């Protein structure tokens, strides 16, 4: 990454505000809600933290993805969805409460798992020099500071001053959007030529991974006989990743343009299966409602 200011200052601020916004929307009831749907929560967490990385490894290995791109994709699979997956669950009329519950777990677990798994990916695909330069402990501390601490701070504000918290959410969302937009524009403008070439080389891999992950999430819900809306949520949570967290590793820690490019491409291309899912869900829910109305009319 060419711009140190973007990765060292603007990106952490963007991530801090994104996670603060998540915290402002949470309260203690979200943790208590975990007890009401234990199977879905456990299944969703396993899909995010175990199945998705295994799927990512299988895809990049079978398709012989170049090492730097492979690491970028793997780092994405280590970063479960956050605010974006919550929003898509809401737009799809899925089980948003389950999505938020999985976000709660991911917010606590990811600061520890993401650096360790990223180190393993770098060790597997890249040189020893890159591995040695990966500061695991410092990265864990950074993620705790900018990913977990703001969630806790937001929840504390929501508990102590709910009215102020509700007012603050809009400002926080705009700040996070502006900071993240500055990061994306800065990286894209400085690497236009590379990104266009990467789109051809790694774009199909990203699309394949996103679709496959969503299908596995949906299939898992069907296998365990979960309600349809929970199955949709599992599909979203498995297929939509936290590009901001992944960019933190590829940009602020590894300073690797190719990996960051993969993350940015994912942030754009993941919208394709997400939009298709939203459209399909709206059509499905309308069909279900129409069938119910017909049945009630006959009765």
C-alpha atoms as a PDB file:
ATOM      1  CA  UNK A   1       0.000   0.000   0.000  1.00  0.00           C
ATOM      2  CA  UNK A   2       1.462   3.310  -1.046  1.00  0.00           C
ATOM      3  CA  UNK A   3      -0.217   5.665   1.414  1.00  0.00           C
ATOM      4  CA  UNK A   4       0.811   5.193   5.036  1.00  0.00           C
ATOM      5  CA  UNK A   5      -1.698   7.792   6.218  1.00  0.00           C
ATOM      6  CA  UNK A   6      -4.584   5.835   4.717  1.00  0.00           C
ATOM      7  CA  UNK A   7      -3.680   2.527   6.332  1.00  0.00           C
ATOM      8  CA  UNK A   8      -2.272   3.787   9.627  1.00  0.00           C
ATOM      9  CA  UNK A   9      -4.769   6.560  10.429  1.00  0.00           C
ATOM     10  CA  UNK A  10      -7.867   6.722   8.210  1.00  0.00           C
ATOM     11  CA  UNK A  11      -8.541   2.969   7.988  1.00  0.00           C
ATOM     12  CA  UNK A  12      -8.347   2.365  11.784  1.00  0.00           C
ATOM     13  CA  UNK A  13     -10.662   5.364  12.319  1.00  0.00           C
ATOM     14  CA  UNK A  14     -13.134   3.981   9.789  1.00  0.00           C
ATOM     15  CA  UNK A  15     -13.093   0.570  11.455  1.00  0.00           C
ATOM     16  CA  UNK A  16     -13.406   2.133  14.918  1.00  0.00           C
ATOM     17  CA  UNK A  17     -16.525   4.065  13.910  1.00  0.00           C
ATOM     18  CA  UNK A  18     -18.034   1.043  12.146  1.00  0.00           C
ATOM     19  CA  UNK A  19     -17.616  -1.103  15.263  1.00  0.00           C
ATOM     20  CA  UNK A  20     -18.830   1.738  17.492  1.00  0.00           C
ATOM     21  CA  UNK A  21     -21.980   1.894  15.378  1.00  0.00           C
ATOM     22  CA  UNK A  22     -22.506  -1.836  15.909  1.00  0.00           C
ATOM     23  CA  UNK A  23     -22.058  -1.391  19.659  1.00  0.00           C
ATOM     24  CA  UNK A  24     -24.555   1.491  19.773  1.00  0.00           C
ATOM     25  CA  UNK A  25     -27.174  -0.814  18.263  1.00  0.00           C
ATOM     26  CA  UNK A  26     -26.592  -3.591  20.811  1.00  0.00           C
ATOM     27  CA  UNK A  27     -27.643  -4.111  24.404  1.00  0.00           C
ATOM     28  CA  UNK A  28     -27.643  -6.878  27.011  1.00  0.00           C
ATOM     29  CA  UNK A  29     -30.781  -8.412  25.484  1.00  0.00           C
ATOM     30  CA  UNK A  30     -28.752  -9.334  22.406  1.00  0.00           C
ATOM     31  CA  UNK A  31     -26.563 -11.580  24.554  1.00  0.00           C
ATOM     32  CA  UNK A  32     -29.609 -13.041  26.297  1.00  0.00           C
ATOM     33  CA  UNK A  33     -31.118 -13.647  22.856  1.00  0.00           C
ATOM     34  CA  UNK A  34     -28.342 -16.152  22.174  1.00  0.00           C
ATOM     35  CA  UNK A  35     -30.119 -18.595  24.505  1.00  0.00           C
ATOM     36  CA  UNK A  36     -33.338 -18.482  22.490  1.00  0.00           C
ATOM     37  CA  UNK A  37     -31.777 -19.924  19.327  1.00  0.00           C
ATOM     38  CA  UNK A  38     -28.758 -21.993  20.464  1.00  0.00           C
ATOM     39  CA  UNK A  39     -28.676 -24.327  17.448  1.00  0.00           C
ATOM     40  CA  UNK A  40     -28.757 -21.518  14.895  1.00  0.00           C
ATOM     41  CA  UNK A  41     -26.132 -19.503  16.785  1.00  0.00           C
ATOM     42  CA  UNK A  42     -23.735 -22.435  17.173  1.00  0.00           C
ATOM     43  CA  UNK A  43     -24.259 -23.524  13.564  1.00  0.00           C
ATOM     44  CA  UNK A  44     -23.736 -19.974  12.285  1.00  0.00           C
ATOM     45  CA  UNK A  45     -20.539 -19.540  14.285  1.00  0.00           C
ATOM     46  CA  UNK A  46     -19.146 -22.864  13.039  1.00  0.00           C
ATOM     47  CA  UNK A  47     -19.963 -21.898   9.454  1.00  0.00           C
ATOM     48  CA  UNK A  48     -18.242 -18.515   9.840  1.00  0.00           C
ATOM     49  CA  UNK A  49     -15.177 -19.531  11.816  1.00  0.00           C
ATOM     50  CA  UNK A  50     -14.494 -23.081  10.562  1.00  0.00           C
ATOM     51  CA  UNK A  51     -16.371 -24.015   7.381  1.00  0.00           C
ATOM     52  CA  UNK A  52     -15.743 -20.799   5.443  1.00  0.00           C
ATOM     53  CA  UNK A  53     -11.921 -20.858   5.893  1.00  0.00           C
ATOM     54  CA  UNK A  54     -11.909 -24.506   4.824  1.00  0.00           C
ATOM     55  CA  UNK A  55     -13.986 -23.609   1.776  1.00  0.00           C
ATOM     56  CA  UNK A  56     -11.642 -20.718   0.977  1.00  0.00           C
ATOM     57  CA  UNK A  57      -8.600 -22.987   1.241  1.00  0.00           C
ATOM     58  CA  UNK A  58     -10.229 -25.540  -1.050  1.00  0.00           C
ATOM     59  CA  UNK A  59     -11.122 -22.927  -3.672  1.00  0.00           C
ATOM     60  CA  UNK A  60      -7.737 -21.170  -3.829  1.00  0.00           C
ATOM     61  CA  UNK A  61      -5.894 -24.521  -3.826  1.00  0.00           C
ATOM     62  CA  UNK A  62      -8.004 -26.209  -6.499  1.00  0.00           C
ATOM     63  CA  UNK A  63      -7.928 -23.126  -8.731  1.00  0.00           C
ATOM     64  CA  UNK A  64      -4.206 -22.584  -8.131  1.00  0.00           C
ATOM     65  CA  UNK A  65      -4.657 -18.923  -7.144  1.00  0.00           C
ATOM     66  CA  UNK A  66      -1.363 -16.918  -7.014  1.00  0.00           C
ATOM     67  CA  UNK A  67       0.110 -16.765  -3.465  1.00  0.00           C
ATOM     68  CA  UNK A  68      -0.580 -13.091  -2.614  1.00  0.00           C
ATOM     69  CA  UNK A  69      -4.146 -13.320  -3.930  1.00  0.00           C
ATOM     70  CA  UNK A  70      -4.654 -16.590  -2.056  1.00  0.00           C
ATOM     71  CA  UNK A  71      -3.580 -14.980   1.227  1.00  0.00           C
ATOM     72  CA  UNK A  72      -5.898 -12.011   0.597  1.00  0.00           C
ATOM     73  CA  UNK A  73      -8.843 -14.333  -0.003  1.00  0.00           C
ATOM     74  CA  UNK A  74      -8.010 -16.425   3.057  1.00  0.00           C
ATOM     75  CA  UNK A  75      -7.797 -13.323   5.268  1.00  0.00           C
ATOM     76  CA  UNK A  76     -11.287 -12.416   4.052  1.00  0.00           C
ATOM     77  CA  UNK A  77     -12.574 -15.833   5.125  1.00  0.00           C
ATOM     78  CA  UNK A  78     -11.131 -15.218   8.601  1.00  0.00           C
ATOM     79  CA  UNK A  79     -13.175 -12.001   9.037  1.00  0.00           C
ATOM     80  CA  UNK A  80     -16.876 -12.832   9.661  1.00  0.00           C
ATOM     81  CA  UNK A  81     -19.495 -10.327   8.534  1.00  0.00           C
ATOM     82  CA  UNK A  82     -20.455  -7.392  10.721  1.00  0.00           C
ATOM     83  CA  UNK A  83     -22.606  -4.362   9.966  1.00  0.00           C
ATOM     84  CA  UNK A  84     -22.912  -5.210   6.257  1.00  0.00           C
ATOM     85  CA  UNK A  85     -24.309  -8.686   6.875  1.00  0.00           C
ATOM     86  CA  UNK A  86     -26.728  -7.243   9.456  1.00  0.00           C
ATOM     87  CA  UNK A  87     -27.996  -4.747   6.878  1.00  0.00           C
ATOM     88  CA  UNK A  88     -28.373  -7.404   4.162  1.00  0.00           C
ATOM     89  CA  UNK A  89     -30.260  -9.661   6.596  1.00  0.00           C
ATOM     90  CA  UNK A  90     -32.603  -6.762   7.306  1.00  0.00           C
ATOM     91  CA  UNK A  91     -33.130  -5.993   3.608  1.00  0.00           C
ATOM     92  CA  UNK A  92     -33.741  -9.701   2.898  1.00  0.00           C
ATOM     93  CA  UNK A  93     -36.331  -9.845   5.694  1.00  0.00           C
ATOM     94  CA  UNK A  94     -34.342 -12.678   7.239  1.00  0.00           C
ATOM     95  CA  UNK A  95     -33.741 -13.272  10.966  1.00  0.00           C
ATOM     96  CA  UNK A  96     -31.967 -10.003  11.779  1.00  0.00           C
ATOM     97  CA  UNK A  97     -31.781 -10.852  15.493  1.00  0.00           C
ATOM     98  CA  UNK A  98     -29.790 -13.993  14.638  1.00  0.00           C
ATOM     99  CA  UNK A  99     -27.505 -11.923  12.405  1.00  0.00           C
ATOM    100  CA  UNK A 100     -26.859  -9.498  15.261  1.00  0.00           C
ATOM    101  CA  UNK A 101     -26.235 -12.398  17.658  1.00  0.00           C
ATOM    102  CA  UNK A 102     -23.581 -13.797  15.320  1.00  0.00           C
ATOM    103  CA  UNK A 103     -22.051 -10.317  15.047  1.00  0.00           C
ATOM    104  CA  UNK A 104     -21.778 -10.199  18.842  1.00  0.00           C
ATOM    105  CA  UNK A 105     -19.842 -13.478  18.882  1.00  0.00           C
ATOM    106  CA  UNK A 106     -17.657 -12.488  15.936  1.00  0.00           C
ATOM    107  CA  UNK A 107     -16.804  -9.151  17.574  1.00  0.00           C
ATOM    108  CA  UNK A 108     -15.445 -10.973  20.615  1.00  0.00           C
ATOM    109  CA  UNK A 109     -13.683 -13.859  18.846  1.00  0.00           C
ATOM    110  CA  UNK A 110     -12.241 -12.273  15.694  1.00  0.00           C
ATOM    111  CA  UNK A 111      -9.629  -9.973  17.311  1.00  0.00           C
ATOM    112  CA  UNK A 112      -7.901 -13.138  18.541  1.00  0.00           C
ATOM    113  CA  UNK A 113      -8.497 -15.559  15.652  1.00  0.00           C
ATOM    114  CA  UNK A 114      -7.911 -13.203  12.713  1.00  0.00           C
ATOM    115  CA  UNK A 115      -4.229 -12.386  13.455  1.00  0.00           C
ATOM    116  CA  UNK A 116      -3.344 -16.010  14.261  1.00  0.00           C
ATOM    117  CA  UNK A 117      -5.048 -17.467  11.185  1.00  0.00           C
ATOM    118  CA  UNK A 118      -3.641 -14.703   8.979  1.00  0.00           C
ATOM    119  CA  UNK A 119      -0.151 -15.539  10.222  1.00  0.00           C
ATOM    120  CA  UNK A 120      -0.757 -19.182   9.312  1.00  0.00           C
ATOM    121  CA  UNK A 121      -1.920 -18.192   5.812  1.00  0.00           C
ATOM    122  CA  UNK A 122       1.119 -15.963   5.281  1.00  0.00           C
ATOM    123  CA  UNK A 123       3.399 -18.761   6.512  1.00  0.00           C
ATOM    124  CA  UNK A 124       1.821 -21.240   4.112  1.00  0.00           C
ATOM    125  CA  UNK A 125       1.813 -19.164   0.927  1.00  0.00           C
ATOM    126  CA  UNK A 126       4.502 -16.499   1.286  1.00  0.00           C
ATOM    127  CA  UNK A 127       8.181 -16.183   2.173  1.00  0.00           C
ATOM    128  CA  UNK A 128       9.763 -16.524   5.598  1.00  0.00           C
ATOM    129  CA  UNK A 129      10.673 -12.824   5.611  1.00  0.00           C
ATOM    130  CA  UNK A 130       7.003 -11.845   5.327  1.00  0.00           C
ATOM    131  CA  UNK A 131       6.087 -14.286   8.089  1.00  0.00           C
ATOM    132  CA  UNK A 132       8.726 -12.936  10.462  1.00  0.00           C
ATOM    133  CA  UNK A 133       7.481  -9.395   9.800  1.00  0.00           C
ATOM    134  CA  UNK A 134       3.945 -10.320  10.903  1.00  0.00           C
ATOM    135  CA  UNK A 135       3.480  -8.982  14.482  1.00  0.00           C
ATOM    136  CA  UNK A 136       0.847 -11.311  15.959  1.00  0.00           C
ATOM    137  CA  UNK A 137       0.666  -9.813  19.469  1.00  0.00           C
ATOM    138  CA  UNK A 138       0.647  -6.226  18.208  1.00  0.00           C
ATOM    139  CA  UNK A 139      -2.047  -7.067  15.669  1.00  0.00           C
ATOM    140  CA  UNK A 140      -4.229  -8.668  18.351  1.00  0.00           C
ATOM    141  CA  UNK A 141      -3.804  -5.529  20.473  1.00  0.00           C
ATOM    142  CA  UNK A 142      -4.720  -3.304  17.511  1.00  0.00           C
ATOM    143  CA  UNK A 143      -7.853  -5.300  16.733  1.00  0.00           C
ATOM    144  CA  UNK A 144      -8.898  -5.308  20.380  1.00  0.00           C
ATOM    145  CA  UNK A 145      -8.488  -1.527  20.400  1.00  0.00           C
ATOM    146  CA  UNK A 146     -10.289  -0.711  17.166  1.00  0.00           C
ATOM    147  CA  UNK A 147     -12.704  -3.658  16.832  1.00  0.00           C
ATOM    148  CA  UNK A 148     -13.733  -4.863  20.299  1.00  0.00           C
ATOM    149  CA  UNK A 149     -13.264  -1.757  22.478  1.00  0.00           C
ATOM    150  CA  UNK A 150     -15.628   0.438  20.396  1.00  0.00           C
ATOM    151  CA  UNK A 151     -18.312  -2.276  20.525  1.00  0.00           C
ATOM    152  CA  UNK A 152     -18.068  -2.326  24.331  1.00  0.00           C
ATOM    153  CA  UNK A 153     -18.050   1.490  24.442  1.00  0.00           C
ATOM    154  CA  UNK A 154     -21.113   1.652  22.187  1.00  0.00           C
ATOM    155  CA  UNK A 155     -23.017  -0.878  24.290  1.00  0.00           C
ATOM    156  CA  UNK A 156     -22.119   1.062  27.456  1.00  0.00           C
ATOM    157  CA  UNK A 157     -23.417   4.301  25.928  1.00  0.00           C
ATOM    158  CA  UNK A 158     -26.570   2.538  24.738  1.00  0.00           C
ATOM    159  CA  UNK A 159     -27.160   1.237  28.266  1.00  0.00           C
ATOM    160  CA  UNK A 160     -26.379   4.467  30.117  1.00  0.00           C
ATOM    161  CA  UNK A 161     -27.887   6.979  27.669  1.00  0.00           C
ATOM    162  CA  UNK A 162     -30.177   5.251  25.147  1.00  0.00           C
ATOM    163  CA  UNK A 163     -31.625   8.519  23.799  1.00  0.00           C
ATOM    164  CA  UNK A 164     -28.171   9.995  23.220  1.00  0.00           C
ATOM    165  CA  UNK A 165     -27.035   6.682  21.738  1.00  0.00           C
ATOM    166  CA  UNK A 166     -29.884   6.704  19.219  1.00  0.00           C
ATOM    167  CA  UNK A 167     -29.006  10.260  18.171  1.00  0.00           C
ATOM    168  CA  UNK A 168     -25.310   9.397  17.926  1.00  0.00           C
ATOM    169  CA  UNK A 169     -25.828   6.420  15.617  1.00  0.00           C
ATOM    170  CA  UNK A 170     -26.507   8.540  12.529  1.00  0.00           C
ATOM    171  CA  UNK A 171     -23.371  10.647  13.009  1.00  0.00           C
ATOM    172  CA  UNK A 172     -21.251   7.544  13.613  1.00  0.00           C
ATOM    173  CA  UNK A 173     -22.585   5.862  10.464  1.00  0.00           C
ATOM    174  CA  UNK A 174     -21.764   8.907   8.346  1.00  0.00           C
ATOM    175  CA  UNK A 175     -18.277   9.206   9.843  1.00  0.00           C
ATOM    176  CA  UNK A 176     -17.512   5.537   9.217  1.00  0.00           C
ATOM    177  CA  UNK A 177     -18.847   5.817   5.668  1.00  0.00           C
ATOM    178  CA  UNK A 178     -16.744   8.890   4.885  1.00  0.00           C
ATOM    179  CA  UNK A 179     -13.559   7.424   6.364  1.00  0.00           C
ATOM    180  CA  UNK A 180     -14.001   4.102   4.557  1.00  0.00           C
ATOM    181  CA  UNK A 181     -14.825   5.915   1.315  1.00  0.00           C
ATOM    182  CA  UNK A 182     -11.585   7.895   1.652  1.00  0.00           C
ATOM    183  CA  UNK A 183      -9.637   4.644   2.078  1.00  0.00           C
ATOM    184  CA  UNK A 184     -11.277   2.962  -0.917  1.00  0.00           C
ATOM    185  CA  UNK A 185     -10.867   5.993  -3.193  1.00  0.00           C
ATOM    186  CA  UNK A 186      -7.240   6.397  -2.130  1.00  0.00           C
ATOM    187  CA  UNK A 187      -6.333   2.773  -2.807  1.00  0.00           C
ATOM    188  CA  UNK A 188      -8.249   2.565  -6.089  1.00  0.00           C
ATOM    189  CA  UNK A 189      -6.855   5.835  -7.460  1.00  0.00           C
ATOM    190  CA  UNK A 190      -3.308   4.743  -6.672  1.00  0.00           C
ATOM    191  CA  UNK A 191      -3.654   1.251  -8.126  1.00  0.00           C
ATOM    192  CA  UNK A 192      -6.019   1.535 -11.112  1.00  0.00           C
ATOM    193  CA  UNK A 193      -3.923  -0.540 -13.490  1.00  0.00           C
ATOM    194  CA  UNK A 194      -3.311  -3.353 -11.013  1.00  0.00           C
ATOM    195  CA  UNK A 195      -6.971  -3.576  -9.993  1.00  0.00           C
ATOM    196  CA  UNK A 196      -8.198  -3.911 -13.574  1.00  0.00           C
ATOM    197  CA  UNK A 197      -5.831  -6.820 -14.139  1.00  0.00           C
ATOM    198  CA  UNK A 198      -6.786  -8.404 -10.813  1.00  0.00           C
ATOM    199  CA  UNK A 199     -10.481  -8.211 -11.700  1.00  0.00           C
ATOM    200  CA  UNK A 200      -9.927 -10.597 -14.587  1.00  0.00           C
ATOM    201  CA  UNK A 201      -7.595 -12.900 -12.681  1.00  0.00           C
ATOM    202  CA  UNK A 202      -9.232 -13.152  -9.265  1.00  0.00           C
ATOM    203  CA  UNK A 203     -12.754 -11.768  -9.813  1.00  0.00           C
ATOM    204  CA  UNK A 204     -14.293 -15.134 -10.840  1.00  0.00           C
ATOM    205  CA  UNK A 205     -12.694 -16.787  -7.782  1.00  0.00           C
ATOM    206  CA  UNK A 206     -14.299 -14.228  -5.463  1.00  0.00           C
ATOM    207  CA  UNK A 207     -17.719 -14.645  -7.099  1.00  0.00           C
ATOM    208  CA  UNK A 208     -17.436 -18.447  -6.898  1.00  0.00           C
ATOM    209  CA  UNK A 209     -16.429 -18.314  -3.226  1.00  0.00           C
ATOM    210  CA  UNK A 210     -19.298 -15.949  -2.322  1.00  0.00           C
ATOM    211  CA  UNK A 211     -21.944 -18.030  -4.084  1.00  0.00           C
ATOM    212  CA  UNK A 212     -20.575 -21.311  -2.713  1.00  0.00           C
ATOM    213  CA  UNK A 213     -20.458 -19.939   0.846  1.00  0.00           C
ATOM    214  CA  UNK A 214     -24.053 -18.712   0.642  1.00  0.00           C
ATOM    215  CA  UNK A 215     -25.243 -22.044  -0.733  1.00  0.00           C
ATOM    216  CA  UNK A 216     -23.476 -23.927   2.065  1.00  0.00           C
ATOM    217  CA  UNK A 217     -25.052 -21.645   4.686  1.00  0.00           C
ATOM    218  CA  UNK A 218     -28.515 -22.169   3.198  1.00  0.00           C
ATOM    219  CA  UNK A 219     -27.984 -25.923   2.850  1.00  0.00           C
ATOM    220  CA  UNK A 220     -26.846 -26.146   6.499  1.00  0.00           C
ATOM    221  CA  UNK A 221     -30.048 -24.450   7.614  1.00  0.00           C
ATOM    222  CA  UNK A 222     -32.108 -26.920   5.596  1.00  0.00           C
ATOM    223  CA  UNK A 223     -30.084 -29.881   6.893  1.00  0.00           C
ATOM    224  CA  UNK A 224     -30.727 -28.898  10.517  1.00  0.00           C
ATOM    225  CA  UNK A 225     -34.372 -28.027   9.753  1.00  0.00           C
ATOM    226  CA  UNK A 226     -34.137 -24.417  10.803  1.00  0.00           C
ATOM    227  CA  UNK A 227     -36.876 -21.929   9.843  1.00  0.00           C
ATOM    228  CA  UNK A 228     -36.455 -20.478   6.347  1.00  0.00           C
ATOM    229  CA  UNK A 229     -35.552 -17.000   7.607  1.00  0.00           C
ATOM    230  CA  UNK A 230     -32.786 -18.422   9.794  1.00  0.00           C
ATOM    231  CA  UNK A 231     -31.498 -20.378   6.803  1.00  0.00           C
ATOM    232  CA  UNK A 232     -31.300 -17.156   4.794  1.00  0.00           C
ATOM    233  CA  UNK A 233     -29.419 -15.482   7.637  1.00  0.00           C
ATOM    234  CA  UNK A 234     -26.910 -18.340   7.750  1.00  0.00           C
ATOM    235  CA  UNK A 235     -26.419 -17.971   3.992  1.00  0.00           C
ATOM    236  CA  UNK A 236     -25.724 -14.245   4.417  1.00  0.00           C
ATOM    237  CA  UNK A 237     -23.440 -14.637   7.427  1.00  0.00           C
ATOM    238  CA  UNK A 238     -21.416 -17.321   5.657  1.00  0.00           C
ATOM    239  CA  UNK A 239     -21.159 -15.493   2.344  1.00  0.00           C
ATOM    240  CA  UNK A 240     -20.707 -11.850   3.434  1.00  0.00           C
ATOM    241  CA  UNK A 241     -17.423 -10.985   5.126  1.00  0.00           C
ATOM    242  CA  UNK A 242     -16.050  -7.972   7.014  1.00  0.00           C
ATOM    243  CA  UNK A 243     -13.902  -6.336   4.341  1.00  0.00           C
ATOM    244  CA  UNK A 244     -12.895  -3.554   6.755  1.00  0.00           C
ATOM    245  CA  UNK A 245     -11.259  -5.983   9.166  1.00  0.00           C
ATOM    246  CA  UNK A 246      -9.577  -7.858   6.333  1.00  0.00           C
ATOM    247  CA  UNK A 247      -8.259  -4.576   4.904  1.00  0.00           C
ATOM    248  CA  UNK A 248      -6.836  -3.773   8.321  1.00  0.00           C
ATOM    249  CA  UNK A 249      -4.622  -6.879   8.092  1.00  0.00           C
ATOM    250  CA  UNK A 250      -3.671  -6.615   4.416  1.00  0.00           C
ATOM    251  CA  UNK A 251      -3.115  -2.861   4.459  1.00  0.00           C
ATOM    252  CA  UNK A 252      -2.163  -1.680   7.941  1.00  0.00           C
ATOM    253  CA  UNK A 253      -0.215  -4.802   8.996  1.00  0.00           C
ATOM    254  CA  UNK A 254       1.123  -6.446   5.825  1.00  0.00           C
ATOM    255  CA  UNK A 255       1.206  -3.312   3.611  1.00  0.00           C
ATOM    256  CA  UNK A 256       0.485  -5.493   0.595  1.00  0.00           C
ATOM    257  CA  UNK A 257      -1.216  -3.827  -2.368  1.00  0.00           C
ATOM    258  CA  UNK A 258      -2.225  -7.074  -4.076  1.00  0.00           C
ATOM    259  CA  UNK A 259      -3.932  -8.449  -0.965  1.00  0.00           C
ATOM    260  CA  UNK A 260      -5.695  -5.134  -0.324  1.00  0.00           C
ATOM    261  CA  UNK A 261      -6.819  -5.127  -3.955  1.00  0.00           C
ATOM    262  CA  UNK A 262      -8.400  -8.546  -3.469  1.00  0.00           C
ATOM    263  CA  UNK A 263     -10.265  -7.256  -0.410  1.00  0.00           C
ATOM    264  CA  UNK A 264     -11.526  -4.208  -2.321  1.00  0.00           C
ATOM    265  CA  UNK A 265     -12.660  -6.345  -5.244  1.00  0.00           C
ATOM    266  CA  UNK A 266     -14.484  -8.597  -2.821  1.00  0.00           C
ATOM    267  CA  UNK A 267     -16.208  -5.573  -1.269  1.00  0.00           C
ATOM    268  CA  UNK A 268     -17.626  -4.738  -4.705  1.00  0.00           C
ATOM    269  CA  UNK A 269     -18.253  -8.204  -6.138  1.00  0.00           C
ATOM    270  CA  UNK A 270     -19.945  -9.606  -3.021  1.00  0.00           C
ATOM    271  CA  UNK A 271     -22.819  -7.227  -3.787  1.00  0.00           C
ATOM    272  CA  UNK A 272     -23.764  -9.420  -6.773  1.00  0.00           C
ATOM    273  CA  UNK A 273     -24.881 -12.511  -4.802  1.00  0.00           C
ATOM    274  CA  UNK A 274     -26.170 -10.245  -2.012  1.00  0.00           C
ATOM    275  CA  UNK A 275     -28.493  -8.329  -4.360  1.00  0.00           C
ATOM    276  CA  UNK A 276     -29.674 -11.554  -6.007  1.00  0.00           C
ATOM    277  CA  UNK A 277     -30.424 -13.008  -2.570  1.00  0.00           C
ATOM    278  CA  UNK A 278     -32.381  -9.912  -1.514  1.00  0.00           C
ATOM    279  CA  UNK A 279     -34.475 -10.031  -4.709  1.00  0.00           C
ATOM    280  CA  UNK A 280     -35.110 -13.780  -4.377  1.00  0.00           C
ATOM    281  CA  UNK A 281     -36.091 -13.432  -0.725  1.00  0.00           C
ATOM    282  CA  UNK A 282     -38.545 -10.628  -1.418  1.00  0.00           C
ATOM    283  CA  UNK A 283     -40.117 -12.728  -4.179  1.00  0.00           C
ATOM    284  CA  UNK A 284     -40.244 -15.805  -1.933  1.00  0.00           C
ATOM    285  CA  UNK A 285     -41.789 -13.972   1.019  1.00  0.00           C
ATOM    286  CA  UNK A 286     -44.428 -12.427  -1.298  1.00  0.00           C
ATOM    287  CA  UNK A 287     -45.252 -15.851  -2.714  1.00  0.00           C
ATOM    288  CA  UNK A 288     -45.566 -17.315   0.783  1.00  0.00           C
ATOM    289  CA  UNK A 289     -47.817 -14.442   1.878  1.00  0.00           C
ATOM    290  CA  UNK A 290     -49.992 -14.916  -1.232  1.00  0.00           C
ATOM    291  CA  UNK A 291     -50.396 -18.654  -0.498  1.00  0.00           C
ATOM    292  CA  UNK A 292     -51.379 -17.905   3.099  1.00  0.00           C
ATOM    293  CA  UNK A 293     -53.957 -15.369   1.933  1.00  0.00           C
ATOM    294  CA  UNK A 294     -55.449 -17.866  -0.515  1.00  0.00           C
ATOM    295  CA  UNK A 295     -55.689 -20.536   2.186  1.00  0.00           C
ATOM    296  CA  UNK A 296     -57.289 -18.146   4.677  1.00  0.00           C
ATOM    297  CA  UNK A 297     -59.750 -16.968   1.988  1.00  0.00           C
ATOM    298  CA  UNK A 298     -60.803 -20.571   1.278  1.00  0.00           C
ATOM    299  CA  UNK A 299     -61.339 -21.212   4.965  1.00  0.00           C
END
